[in-house]
Amino acid sequence: MGEARGSRELKGFISGLRIWMRGYQDWVDLDTQRYSARFADQDANDQGAWKSIADGRGLP
């Protein structure tokens, strides 16, 4: 994506991260279907977890 500056090593590292992140996203989207609407009703409802932590009550 056009890093104008940086060492060859840094550019290689960033390139590797991009490849890894793309692969991970493809795995989540295509293989695991983890966030698929098809399975949303089976997902844990943790909406209150952060509120409990913020209120000082810890995890629910």
Protein backbone atom coordinates (compact mmCIF):
# COMPACT_ATOMS: atom_id res chain seq x y z
CA MET A 1 0.00 0.00 0.00
CA GLY A 2 2.90 2.24 -0.66
CA GLU A 3 5.02 2.78 2.43
CA ALA A 4 7.23 5.61 1.26
CA ARG A 5 9.80 5.20 4.02
CA GLY A 6 11.07 2.45 6.21
CA SER A 7 13.69 -0.23 6.13
CA ARG A 8 13.38 -3.30 3.95
CA GLU A 9 12.82 -5.33 7.12
CA LEU A 10 9.98 -3.06 8.28
CA LYS A 11 8.31 -3.17 4.88
CA GLY A 12 8.58 -6.96 4.89
CA PHE A 13 7.11 -7.11 8.39
CA ILE A 14 4.17 -4.90 7.40
CA SER A 15 3.60 -6.94 4.26
CA GLY A 16 3.57 -10.12 6.32
CA LEU A 17 1.07 -8.63 8.76
CA ARG A 18 -1.22 -7.70 5.88
CA ILE A 19 -1.07 -11.22 4.50
CA TRP A 20 -1.70 -12.74 7.95
CA MET A 21 -4.64 -10.40 8.66
CA ARG A 22 -6.22 -11.12 5.26
CA GLY A 23 -5.85 -14.85 5.85
CA TYR A 24 -7.36 -14.60 9.31
CA GLN A 25 -10.30 -12.55 8.01
CA ASP A 26 -10.90 -15.05 5.22
CA TRP A 27 -10.79 -17.89 7.77
CA VAL A 28 -13.35 -16.17 10.00
CA ASP A 29 -15.65 -15.19 7.11
CA LEU A 30 -15.45 -18.33 5.00
CA ASP A 31 -14.42 -21.23 7.21
CA THR A 32 -15.64 -20.71 10.76
CA GLN A 33 -18.72 -18.59 10.01
CA ARG A 34 -18.19 -17.35 13.56
CA TYR A 35 -19.99 -14.07 13.04
CA SER A 36 -22.57 -15.38 10.60
CA ALA A 37 -26.13 -14.18 11.14
CA ARG A 38 -27.11 -17.82 10.76
CA PHE A 39 -25.62 -18.58 14.18
CA ALA A 40 -26.36 -15.28 15.95
CA ASP A 41 -29.08 -16.76 18.16
CA GLN A 42 -26.54 -19.27 19.54
CA ASP A 43 -23.95 -16.63 20.46
CA ALA A 44 -23.44 -15.66 24.07
CA ASN A 45 -25.11 -12.45 25.12
CA ASP A 46 -22.37 -10.54 26.90
CA GLN A 47 -23.90 -7.07 26.58
CA GLY A 48 -23.91 -6.60 30.34
CA ALA A 49 -20.32 -7.73 30.91
CA TRP A 50 -18.63 -4.39 30.25
CA LYS A 51 -21.27 -2.48 32.20
CA SER A 52 -20.67 -4.72 35.22
CA ILE A 53 -16.92 -4.17 34.98
CA ALA A 54 -17.36 -0.40 34.56
CA ASP A 55 -19.66 -0.31 37.61
CA GLY A 56 -17.01 -2.10 39.67
CA ARG A 57 -19.05 -5.30 40.09
CA GLY A 58 -16.67 -7.48 38.10
CA LEU A 59 -17.77 -10.03 35.54
CA PRO A 60 -21.42 -11.12 35.70
